[in-house]
């Protein structure tokens, strides 16, 4: 397989064409594509290119951490798996659960999971201090739902309880404290 780079006339953008040639059976196949380059002729994502450091930071390899999922995995918490009981909101992630929520720290939820095997369709939600903080999620029997909060759902410095329309609905959350 032959591969070559051809410099285009200056257009202020500094693009190059990448041309790849491959023989498939009795046919020669060509593929071309544009590759962004900086003013020094370095590929933007190549070592030394203008975008290289930003790429490393975005995927969490060095520099300031800008990947919330990686940060959550490295520094976050997993709440206990809790079953709603007693006909009322049940402690999910509080200063008395294990793992314990740290008083004085804001909690940011990245993932909420709710599972239902009660025999009927149910509604489940999260609360703080008796006030609903999520929309009610409807879950069919023998089903579960995972809600991803891509940017995080900050609930502040508050204990988190789970609640549902019936007992025996199972909840868990994953998130960070800061």
N, C-alpha and C. Protein backbone atom coordinates (compact mmCIF):
# COMPACT_ATOMS: atom_id res chain seq x y z
N UNK A 1 0.85 -1.17 0.00
CA UNK A 1 0.00 0.00 0.00
C UNK A 1 0.89 1.22 0.00
N UNK A 2 0.68 2.08 -0.97
CA UNK A 2 1.44 3.33 -1.06
C UNK A 2 0.66 4.43 -0.36
N UNK A 3 1.37 5.35 0.27
CA UNK A 3 0.74 6.46 0.95
C UNK A 3 1.56 7.71 0.72
N UNK A 4 0.89 8.84 0.48
CA UNK A 4 1.63 10.07 0.24
C UNK A 4 0.84 11.27 0.75
N UNK A 5 1.56 12.37 0.98
CA UNK A 5 0.93 13.62 1.37
C UNK A 5 1.26 14.65 0.30
N UNK A 6 0.28 15.42 -0.11
CA UNK A 6 0.46 16.45 -1.13
C UNK A 6 0.05 17.78 -0.51
N UNK A 7 0.94 18.76 -0.55
CA UNK A 7 0.64 20.09 0.00
C UNK A 7 -0.22 20.86 -0.98
N UNK A 8 -1.33 21.42 -0.51
CA UNK A 8 -2.20 22.24 -1.34
C UNK A 8 -1.66 23.66 -1.39
N UNK A 9 -2.08 24.44 -2.37
CA UNK A 9 -1.69 25.85 -2.40
C UNK A 9 -2.15 26.53 -1.10
N UNK A 10 -1.37 27.52 -0.69
CA UNK A 10 -1.69 28.22 0.55
C UNK A 10 -3.09 28.81 0.49
N UNK A 11 -3.91 28.48 1.48
CA UNK A 11 -5.25 29.03 1.56
C UNK A 11 -5.53 29.59 2.94
N UNK A 12 -4.48 29.76 3.73
CA UNK A 12 -4.63 30.29 5.08
C UNK A 12 -5.06 29.26 6.09
N UNK A 13 -5.41 28.03 5.66
CA UNK A 13 -5.87 27.00 6.57
C UNK A 13 -4.76 25.97 6.80
N UNK A 14 -3.90 25.75 5.81
CA UNK A 14 -2.79 24.82 5.95
C UNK A 14 -3.20 23.37 5.90
N UNK A 15 -4.15 23.03 5.01
CA UNK A 15 -4.59 21.65 4.90
C UNK A 15 -3.65 20.87 3.98
N UNK A 16 -3.61 19.59 4.16
CA UNK A 16 -2.90 18.70 3.25
C UNK A 16 -3.89 17.62 2.83
N UNK A 17 -3.63 17.03 1.70
CA UNK A 17 -4.43 15.90 1.24
C UNK A 17 -3.66 14.63 1.54
N UNK A 18 -4.34 13.69 2.14
CA UNK A 18 -3.73 12.38 2.40
C UNK A 18 -4.28 11.45 1.34
N UNK A 19 -3.39 10.84 0.61
CA UNK A 19 -3.79 9.96 -0.48
C UNK A 19 -3.28 8.55 -0.20
N UNK A 20 -4.19 7.60 -0.15
CA UNK A 20 -3.81 6.20 0.10
C UNK A 20 -4.25 5.38 -1.11
N UNK A 21 -3.36 4.50 -1.54
CA UNK A 21 -3.63 3.63 -2.68
C UNK A 21 -3.46 2.19 -2.24
N UNK A 22 -4.44 1.33 -2.57
CA UNK A 22 -4.36 -0.07 -2.18
C UNK A 22 -4.88 -0.92 -3.33
N UNK A 23 -4.21 -2.03 -3.58
CA UNK A 23 -4.64 -2.96 -4.61
C UNK A 23 -5.59 -3.97 -3.98
N UNK A 24 -6.80 -4.05 -4.52
CA UNK A 24 -7.80 -5.00 -4.04
C UNK A 24 -8.18 -5.88 -5.23
N UNK A 25 -7.76 -7.15 -5.16
CA UNK A 25 -7.97 -8.04 -6.30
C UNK A 25 -7.17 -7.51 -7.48
N UNK A 26 -7.83 -7.27 -8.61
CA UNK A 26 -7.17 -6.73 -9.79
C UNK A 26 -7.35 -5.22 -9.89
N UNK A 27 -7.96 -4.59 -8.89
CA UNK A 27 -8.25 -3.17 -8.95
C UNK A 27 -7.37 -2.38 -7.98
N UNK A 28 -6.99 -1.18 -8.40
CA UNK A 28 -6.28 -0.27 -7.53
C UNK A 28 -7.30 0.74 -6.99
N UNK A 29 -7.40 0.82 -5.67
CA UNK A 29 -8.38 1.69 -5.02
C UNK A 29 -7.65 2.88 -4.43
N UNK A 30 -8.20 4.09 -4.62
CA UNK A 30 -7.61 5.31 -4.08
C UNK A 30 -8.56 5.91 -3.05
N UNK A 31 -7.99 6.46 -1.98
CA UNK A 31 -8.77 7.18 -0.98
C UNK A 31 -8.03 8.46 -0.64
N UNK A 32 -8.74 9.55 -0.61
CA UNK A 32 -8.12 10.82 -0.26
C UNK A 32 -8.92 11.47 0.85
N UNK A 33 -8.25 12.26 1.68
CA UNK A 33 -8.93 12.97 2.74
C UNK A 33 -8.11 14.15 3.19
N UNK A 34 -8.76 15.14 3.78
CA UNK A 34 -8.04 16.29 4.29
C UNK A 34 -7.63 16.05 5.73
N UNK A 35 -6.42 16.48 6.05
CA UNK A 35 -5.89 16.37 7.40
C UNK A 35 -5.54 17.77 7.87
N UNK A 36 -6.09 18.25 8.99
CA UNK A 36 -5.78 19.62 9.44
C UNK A 36 -4.35 19.73 9.96
N UNK A 37 -3.67 20.78 9.53
CA UNK A 37 -2.30 21.04 9.96
C UNK A 37 -2.22 22.46 10.49
N UNK A 38 -1.29 22.70 11.42
CA UNK A 38 -1.11 24.06 11.93
C UNK A 38 -0.15 24.82 11.03
N UNK A 39 0.13 26.09 11.41
CA UNK A 39 0.96 26.94 10.56
C UNK A 39 2.40 26.46 10.42
N UNK A 40 2.85 25.55 11.31
CA UNK A 40 4.21 25.01 11.23
C UNK A 40 4.28 23.72 10.43
N UNK A 41 3.13 23.28 9.91
CA UNK A 41 3.13 22.05 9.12
C UNK A 41 2.96 20.80 9.95
N UNK A 42 2.66 20.93 11.26
CA UNK A 42 2.42 19.76 12.12
C UNK A 42 0.94 19.41 12.08
N UNK A 43 0.64 18.12 12.03
CA UNK A 43 -0.75 17.69 12.13
C UNK A 43 -1.30 18.15 13.48
N UNK A 44 -2.51 18.67 13.49
CA UNK A 44 -3.06 19.23 14.73
C UNK A 44 -3.09 18.23 15.87
N UNK A 45 -3.26 16.95 15.59
CA UNK A 45 -3.32 15.96 16.66
C UNK A 45 -2.00 15.21 16.79
N UNK A 46 -0.99 15.57 16.01
CA UNK A 46 0.32 14.94 16.11
C UNK A 46 1.12 15.59 17.23
N UNK A 47 2.13 14.87 17.75
CA UNK A 47 2.99 15.44 18.78
C UNK A 47 3.60 16.72 18.23
N UNK A 48 3.48 17.80 18.97
CA UNK A 48 3.97 19.09 18.52
C UNK A 48 2.93 19.95 17.84
N UNK A 49 1.80 19.34 17.45
CA UNK A 49 0.73 20.11 16.81
C UNK A 49 -0.03 20.94 17.84
N UNK A 50 -0.69 21.99 17.37
CA UNK A 50 -1.41 22.89 18.26
C UNK A 50 -2.50 22.18 19.06
N UNK A 51 -3.13 21.16 18.51
CA UNK A 51 -4.23 20.49 19.20
C UNK A 51 -3.82 19.33 20.08
N UNK A 52 -2.53 18.98 20.09
CA UNK A 52 -2.07 17.78 20.80
C UNK A 52 -2.30 17.88 22.31
N UNK A 53 -1.89 19.00 22.93
CA UNK A 53 -2.06 19.14 24.37
C UNK A 53 -3.54 19.14 24.75
N UNK A 54 -4.37 19.79 23.95
CA UNK A 54 -5.81 19.81 24.22
C UNK A 54 -6.39 18.40 24.12
N UNK A 55 -5.91 17.61 23.16
CA UNK A 55 -6.37 16.24 23.01
C UNK A 55 -6.02 15.42 24.24
N UNK A 56 -4.78 15.53 24.73
CA UNK A 56 -4.37 14.78 25.90
C UNK A 56 -5.20 15.16 27.12
N UNK A 57 -5.45 16.44 27.31
CA UNK A 57 -6.24 16.89 28.45
C UNK A 57 -7.67 16.37 28.34
N UNK A 58 -8.23 16.38 27.14
CA UNK A 58 -9.61 15.95 26.95
C UNK A 58 -9.79 14.47 27.27
N UNK A 59 -8.84 13.65 26.91
CA UNK A 59 -8.97 12.22 27.19
C UNK A 59 -8.36 11.85 28.54
N UNK A 60 -7.89 12.85 29.29
CA UNK A 60 -7.46 12.62 30.65
C UNK A 60 -6.07 12.08 30.81
N UNK A 61 -5.17 12.31 29.86
CA UNK A 61 -3.83 11.77 29.97
C UNK A 61 -2.84 12.73 30.60
N UNK A 62 -3.06 14.03 30.48
CA UNK A 62 -2.18 14.97 31.16
C UNK A 62 -2.83 16.35 31.16
N UNK A 63 -2.27 17.25 31.91
CA UNK A 63 -2.81 18.60 31.98
C UNK A 63 -4.08 18.63 32.81
N UNK A 64 -4.84 19.71 32.67
CA UNK A 64 -6.08 19.86 33.42
C UNK A 64 -7.09 18.82 32.98
N UNK A 65 -7.80 18.27 33.93
CA UNK A 65 -8.73 17.19 33.64
C UNK A 65 -10.05 17.74 33.12
N UNK A 66 -10.41 17.41 31.88
CA UNK A 66 -11.64 17.92 31.29
C UNK A 66 -12.59 16.79 30.91
N UNK A 67 -12.32 15.58 31.32
CA UNK A 67 -13.18 14.45 31.00
C UNK A 67 -13.95 14.06 32.27
N UNK A 68 -15.23 14.49 32.42
CA UNK A 68 -15.93 14.23 33.66
C UNK A 68 -16.14 12.75 33.96
N UNK A 69 -16.31 11.93 32.94
CA UNK A 69 -16.50 10.49 33.18
C UNK A 69 -15.24 9.85 33.75
N UNK A 70 -14.09 10.24 33.25
CA UNK A 70 -12.84 9.70 33.78
C UNK A 70 -12.63 10.20 35.21
N UNK A 71 -12.91 11.47 35.46
CA UNK A 71 -12.77 12.03 36.80
C UNK A 71 -13.71 11.31 37.76
N UNK A 72 -14.94 11.06 37.31
CA UNK A 72 -15.91 10.35 38.15
C UNK A 72 -15.39 8.96 38.51
N UNK A 73 -14.84 8.26 37.53
CA UNK A 73 -14.32 6.90 37.77
C UNK A 73 -13.15 6.93 38.75
N UNK A 74 -12.26 7.91 38.59
CA UNK A 74 -11.06 7.97 39.43
C UNK A 74 -11.33 8.53 40.82
N UNK A 75 -12.28 9.45 40.96
CA UNK A 75 -12.46 10.17 42.23
C UNK A 75 -13.89 10.12 42.75
N UNK A 76 -14.76 9.39 42.13
CA UNK A 76 -16.17 9.43 42.49
C UNK A 76 -16.58 8.40 43.52
N UNK A 77 -17.88 8.35 43.77
CA UNK A 77 -18.47 7.40 44.71
C UNK A 77 -19.53 6.59 43.99
N UNK A 78 -19.81 5.43 44.54
CA UNK A 78 -20.92 4.60 44.14
C UNK A 78 -21.79 4.47 45.39
N UNK A 79 -23.03 4.89 45.30
CA UNK A 79 -23.90 4.77 46.46
C UNK A 79 -24.18 3.30 46.71
N UNK A 80 -24.67 2.98 47.91
CA UNK A 80 -25.14 1.61 48.11
C UNK A 80 -26.35 1.36 47.21
N UNK A 81 -26.63 0.11 46.92
CA UNK A 81 -27.84 -0.24 46.20
C UNK A 81 -28.94 -0.29 47.26
N UNK A 82 -29.95 0.56 47.10
CA UNK A 82 -30.96 0.75 48.14
C UNK A 82 -32.34 0.39 47.59
N UNK A 83 -33.11 -0.30 48.42
CA UNK A 83 -34.49 -0.63 48.08
C UNK A 83 -35.43 0.27 48.86
N UNK A 84 -36.33 0.93 48.16
CA UNK A 84 -37.30 1.81 48.83
C UNK A 84 -38.18 0.95 49.72
N UNK A 85 -38.32 1.36 50.98
CA UNK A 85 -39.06 0.56 51.94
C UNK A 85 -39.87 1.44 52.87
N UNK A 86 -40.81 0.86 53.56
CA UNK A 86 -41.57 1.55 54.60
C UNK A 86 -42.56 2.57 54.08
N UNK A 87 -42.84 2.56 52.78
CA UNK A 87 -43.83 3.48 52.24
C UNK A 87 -43.40 4.93 52.23
N UNK A 88 -42.09 5.19 52.35
CA UNK A 88 -41.60 6.57 52.40
C UNK A 88 -40.22 6.65 51.75
N UNK A 89 -39.74 7.88 51.56
CA UNK A 89 -38.39 8.09 51.00
C UNK A 89 -37.38 7.34 51.86
N UNK A 90 -36.39 6.74 51.21
CA UNK A 90 -35.38 5.93 51.89
C UNK A 90 -34.00 6.52 51.62
N UNK A 91 -33.14 6.56 52.66
CA UNK A 91 -31.79 7.13 52.52
C UNK A 91 -31.02 6.40 51.43
N UNK A 92 -30.47 7.16 50.49
CA UNK A 92 -29.67 6.60 49.40
C UNK A 92 -28.21 6.98 49.54
N UNK A 93 -27.93 8.26 49.67
CA UNK A 93 -26.55 8.74 49.84
C UNK A 93 -26.62 9.91 50.81
N UNK A 94 -26.31 9.61 52.08
CA UNK A 94 -26.46 10.59 53.15
C UNK A 94 -25.24 10.55 54.06
N UNK A 95 -25.24 11.40 55.08
CA UNK A 95 -24.14 11.42 56.05
C UNK A 95 -24.18 10.21 56.97
N UNK A 96 -25.22 9.35 56.83
CA UNK A 96 -25.31 8.15 57.67
C UNK A 96 -25.25 6.86 56.87
N UNK A 97 -25.16 6.92 55.54
CA UNK A 97 -25.07 5.70 54.72
C UNK A 97 -23.60 5.32 54.54
N UNK A 98 -23.39 4.12 54.01
CA UNK A 98 -22.05 3.68 53.66
C UNK A 98 -22.04 3.39 52.18
N UNK A 99 -21.22 4.08 51.35
CA UNK A 99 -20.27 5.10 51.77
C UNK A 99 -21.00 6.35 52.26
N UNK A 100 -20.31 7.08 53.10
CA UNK A 100 -20.92 8.24 53.73
C UNK A 100 -20.74 9.47 52.85
N UNK A 101 -21.80 10.29 52.78
CA UNK A 101 -21.71 11.58 52.09
C UNK A 101 -20.97 12.54 53.02
N UNK A 102 -20.09 13.34 52.47
CA UNK A 102 -19.30 14.27 53.26
C UNK A 102 -20.07 15.58 53.44
N UNK A 103 -20.44 15.89 54.68
CA UNK A 103 -21.13 17.14 54.96
C UNK A 103 -20.23 18.31 54.56
N UNK A 104 -20.81 19.35 53.99
CA UNK A 104 -20.04 20.50 53.55
C UNK A 104 -19.56 20.40 52.12
N UNK A 105 -19.75 19.26 51.48
CA UNK A 105 -19.35 19.05 50.09
C UNK A 105 -20.59 19.01 49.21
N UNK A 106 -20.50 19.60 48.00
CA UNK A 106 -21.58 19.50 47.03
C UNK A 106 -21.50 18.14 46.34
N UNK A 107 -22.63 17.52 46.12
CA UNK A 107 -22.70 16.23 45.44
C UNK A 107 -23.18 16.46 44.01
N UNK A 108 -22.48 15.86 43.05
CA UNK A 108 -22.88 15.90 41.65
C UNK A 108 -23.13 14.47 41.20
N UNK A 109 -24.34 14.21 40.71
CA UNK A 109 -24.71 12.87 40.24
C UNK A 109 -24.44 12.80 38.74
N UNK A 110 -23.79 11.71 38.32
CA UNK A 110 -23.57 11.47 36.90
C UNK A 110 -24.43 10.33 36.37
N UNK A 111 -24.79 9.38 37.22
CA UNK A 111 -25.60 8.25 36.78
C UNK A 111 -26.61 7.89 37.86
N UNK A 112 -27.85 7.70 37.47
CA UNK A 112 -28.91 7.22 38.34
C UNK A 112 -29.45 5.94 37.72
N UNK A 113 -29.53 4.87 38.53
CA UNK A 113 -30.08 3.60 38.05
C UNK A 113 -31.26 3.21 38.92
N UNK A 114 -32.36 2.82 38.27
CA UNK A 114 -33.56 2.39 38.99
C UNK A 114 -33.99 1.06 38.38
N UNK A 115 -34.28 0.08 39.25
CA UNK A 115 -34.68 -1.27 38.80
C UNK A 115 -36.01 -1.62 39.44
N UNK A 116 -36.89 -2.25 38.67
CA UNK A 116 -38.22 -2.59 39.16
C UNK A 116 -38.53 -4.06 38.90
N UNK A 117 -38.77 -4.80 39.95
CA UNK A 117 -39.26 -6.17 39.82
C UNK A 117 -40.39 -6.39 40.82
N UNK A 118 -41.27 -5.40 40.91
CA UNK A 118 -42.36 -5.42 41.89
C UNK A 118 -43.61 -6.13 41.40
N UNK A 119 -43.69 -6.40 40.11
CA UNK A 119 -44.89 -7.03 39.56
C UNK A 119 -45.82 -6.05 38.88
N UNK A 120 -45.47 -4.76 38.92
CA UNK A 120 -46.32 -3.74 38.29
C UNK A 120 -45.44 -2.59 37.82
N UNK A 121 -45.99 -1.75 36.94
CA UNK A 121 -45.29 -0.54 36.52
C UNK A 121 -45.23 0.42 37.69
N UNK A 122 -44.08 1.07 37.88
CA UNK A 122 -43.88 1.98 39.02
C UNK A 122 -43.31 3.30 38.54
N UNK A 123 -43.28 4.25 39.46
CA UNK A 123 -42.64 5.54 39.23
C UNK A 123 -41.60 5.71 40.32
N UNK A 124 -40.38 6.14 39.94
CA UNK A 124 -39.32 6.35 40.91
C UNK A 124 -38.64 7.69 40.71
N UNK A 125 -38.14 8.29 41.80
CA UNK A 125 -37.50 9.61 41.72
C UNK A 125 -36.55 9.79 42.90
N UNK A 126 -35.77 10.86 42.86
CA UNK A 126 -34.88 11.22 43.97
C UNK A 126 -35.43 12.44 44.69
N UNK A 127 -35.10 12.53 45.99
CA UNK A 127 -35.53 13.65 46.83
C UNK A 127 -34.37 14.13 47.69
N UNK A 128 -34.47 15.38 48.13
CA UNK A 128 -33.64 15.90 49.22
C UNK A 128 -34.58 16.63 50.16
N UNK A 129 -34.54 16.26 51.43
CA UNK A 129 -35.38 16.92 52.42
C UNK A 129 -36.87 16.86 52.11
N UNK A 130 -37.33 15.77 51.50
CA UNK A 130 -38.74 15.62 51.19
C UNK A 130 -39.20 16.32 49.93
N UNK A 131 -38.27 16.94 49.19
CA UNK A 131 -38.61 17.65 47.96
C UNK A 131 -38.06 16.86 46.77
N UNK A 132 -38.92 16.60 45.79
CA UNK A 132 -38.51 15.86 44.60
C UNK A 132 -37.48 16.69 43.82
N UNK A 133 -36.32 16.07 43.48
CA UNK A 133 -35.29 16.80 42.73
C UNK A 133 -35.10 16.27 41.32
N UNK A 134 -35.72 15.15 40.98
CA UNK A 134 -35.70 14.64 39.60
C UNK A 134 -37.13 14.51 39.12
N UNK A 135 -37.28 14.37 37.84
CA UNK A 135 -38.61 14.07 37.32
C UNK A 135 -38.94 12.63 37.74
N UNK A 136 -40.21 12.27 37.80
CA UNK A 136 -40.55 10.88 38.09
C UNK A 136 -40.29 10.02 36.85
N UNK A 137 -39.60 8.92 37.04
CA UNK A 137 -39.29 8.00 35.94
C UNK A 137 -40.23 6.81 36.02
N UNK A 138 -40.87 6.47 34.90
CA UNK A 138 -41.80 5.35 34.85
C UNK A 138 -41.04 4.11 34.39
N UNK A 139 -41.13 3.03 35.17
CA UNK A 139 -40.38 1.81 34.89
C UNK A 139 -41.35 0.64 34.87
N UNK A 140 -41.36 -0.11 33.78
CA UNK A 140 -42.21 -1.29 33.68
C UNK A 140 -41.69 -2.39 34.59
N UNK A 141 -42.55 -3.37 34.89
CA UNK A 141 -42.14 -4.50 35.70
C UNK A 141 -41.01 -5.27 35.03
N UNK A 142 -40.08 -5.76 35.82
CA UNK A 142 -38.91 -6.51 35.35
C UNK A 142 -38.10 -5.70 34.34
N UNK A 143 -37.95 -4.42 34.61
CA UNK A 143 -37.19 -3.54 33.74
C UNK A 143 -36.35 -2.61 34.60
N UNK A 144 -35.43 -1.93 33.98
CA UNK A 144 -34.61 -0.95 34.70
C UNK A 144 -34.34 0.22 33.77
N UNK A 145 -33.92 1.33 34.37
CA UNK A 145 -33.60 2.51 33.59
C UNK A 145 -32.30 3.08 34.13
N UNK A 146 -31.45 3.55 33.22
CA UNK A 146 -30.21 4.23 33.60
C UNK A 146 -30.28 5.63 33.02
N UNK A 147 -30.14 6.62 33.90
CA UNK A 147 -30.18 8.01 33.48
C UNK A 147 -28.78 8.57 33.61
N UNK A 148 -28.21 9.01 32.48
CA UNK A 148 -26.88 9.62 32.49
C UNK A 148 -27.04 11.12 32.46
N UNK A 149 -26.41 11.78 33.42
CA UNK A 149 -26.35 13.24 33.43
C UNK A 149 -24.97 13.61 32.90
N UNK A 150 -24.86 13.83 31.59
CA UNK A 150 -23.56 14.03 30.95
C UNK A 150 -22.76 15.17 31.58
N UNK A 151 -23.41 16.27 31.87
CA UNK A 151 -22.72 17.40 32.49
C UNK A 151 -22.75 17.36 34.00
N UNK A 152 -23.36 16.32 34.56
CA UNK A 152 -23.51 16.21 36.00
C UNK A 152 -24.76 16.93 36.48
N UNK A 153 -25.36 16.40 37.53
CA UNK A 153 -26.55 16.98 38.15
C UNK A 153 -26.17 17.34 39.58
N UNK A 154 -25.88 18.61 39.81
CA UNK A 154 -25.42 19.07 41.12
C UNK A 154 -26.61 19.25 42.04
N UNK A 155 -26.60 18.50 43.16
CA UNK A 155 -27.70 18.60 44.13
C UNK A 155 -27.29 19.39 45.36
N UNK A 156 -26.06 19.91 45.37
CA UNK A 156 -25.60 20.73 46.48
C UNK A 156 -25.20 19.90 47.68
N UNK A 157 -25.12 20.55 48.83
CA UNK A 157 -24.71 19.94 50.09
C UNK A 157 -25.97 19.41 50.78
N UNK A 158 -26.49 18.28 50.28
CA UNK A 158 -27.75 17.75 50.82
C UNK A 158 -27.75 16.23 50.77
N UNK A 159 -28.40 15.61 51.75
CA UNK A 159 -28.60 14.17 51.73
C UNK A 159 -29.58 13.82 50.62
N UNK A 160 -29.39 12.65 50.01
CA UNK A 160 -30.22 12.23 48.88
C UNK A 160 -31.00 10.99 49.28
N UNK A 161 -32.30 11.05 49.05
CA UNK A 161 -33.17 9.90 49.31
C UNK A 161 -33.80 9.44 48.00
N UNK A 162 -34.19 8.16 47.98
CA UNK A 162 -34.92 7.63 46.84
C UNK A 162 -36.36 7.40 47.26
N UNK A 163 -37.28 7.52 46.31
CA UNK A 163 -38.68 7.29 46.61
C UNK A 163 -39.35 6.72 45.37
N UNK A 164 -40.48 6.06 45.58
CA UNK A 164 -41.19 5.43 44.48
C UNK A 164 -42.66 5.31 44.84
N UNK A 165 -43.45 4.93 43.84
CA UNK A 165 -44.88 4.79 44.05
C UNK A 165 -45.22 3.55 44.88
N UNK A 166 -44.30 2.59 44.98
CA UNK A 166 -44.47 1.39 45.82
C UNK A 166 -43.13 1.00 46.42
N UNK A 167 -43.14 0.12 47.41
CA UNK A 167 -41.91 -0.39 48.00
C UNK A 167 -41.20 -1.34 47.03
N UNK A 168 -39.95 -1.68 47.36
CA UNK A 168 -39.13 -2.68 46.67
C UNK A 168 -38.57 -2.25 45.32
N UNK A 169 -38.60 -0.95 45.01
CA UNK A 169 -37.95 -0.43 43.82
C UNK A 169 -36.49 -0.15 44.23
N UNK A 170 -35.53 -0.54 43.39
CA UNK A 170 -34.11 -0.50 43.73
C UNK A 170 -33.43 0.69 43.03
N UNK A 171 -32.62 1.43 43.80
CA UNK A 171 -31.94 2.62 43.31
C UNK A 171 -30.44 2.56 43.57
N UNK A 172 -29.66 3.23 42.74
CA UNK A 172 -28.25 3.52 43.03
C UNK A 172 -27.83 4.73 42.20
N UNK A 173 -26.84 5.46 42.71
CA UNK A 173 -26.29 6.60 41.99
C UNK A 173 -24.77 6.52 41.99
N UNK A 174 -24.19 7.20 41.01
CA UNK A 174 -22.73 7.35 40.93
C UNK A 174 -22.48 8.84 40.73
N UNK A 175 -21.43 9.37 41.38
CA UNK A 175 -21.15 10.78 41.24
C UNK A 175 -19.87 11.19 41.92
N UNK A 176 -19.75 12.48 42.17
CA UNK A 176 -18.56 13.04 42.81
C UNK A 176 -18.97 14.04 43.88
N UNK A 177 -18.03 14.34 44.75
CA UNK A 177 -18.20 15.38 45.76
C UNK A 177 -17.09 16.40 45.59
N UNK A 178 -17.39 17.66 45.84
CA UNK A 178 -16.35 18.69 45.77
C UNK A 178 -16.69 19.82 46.71
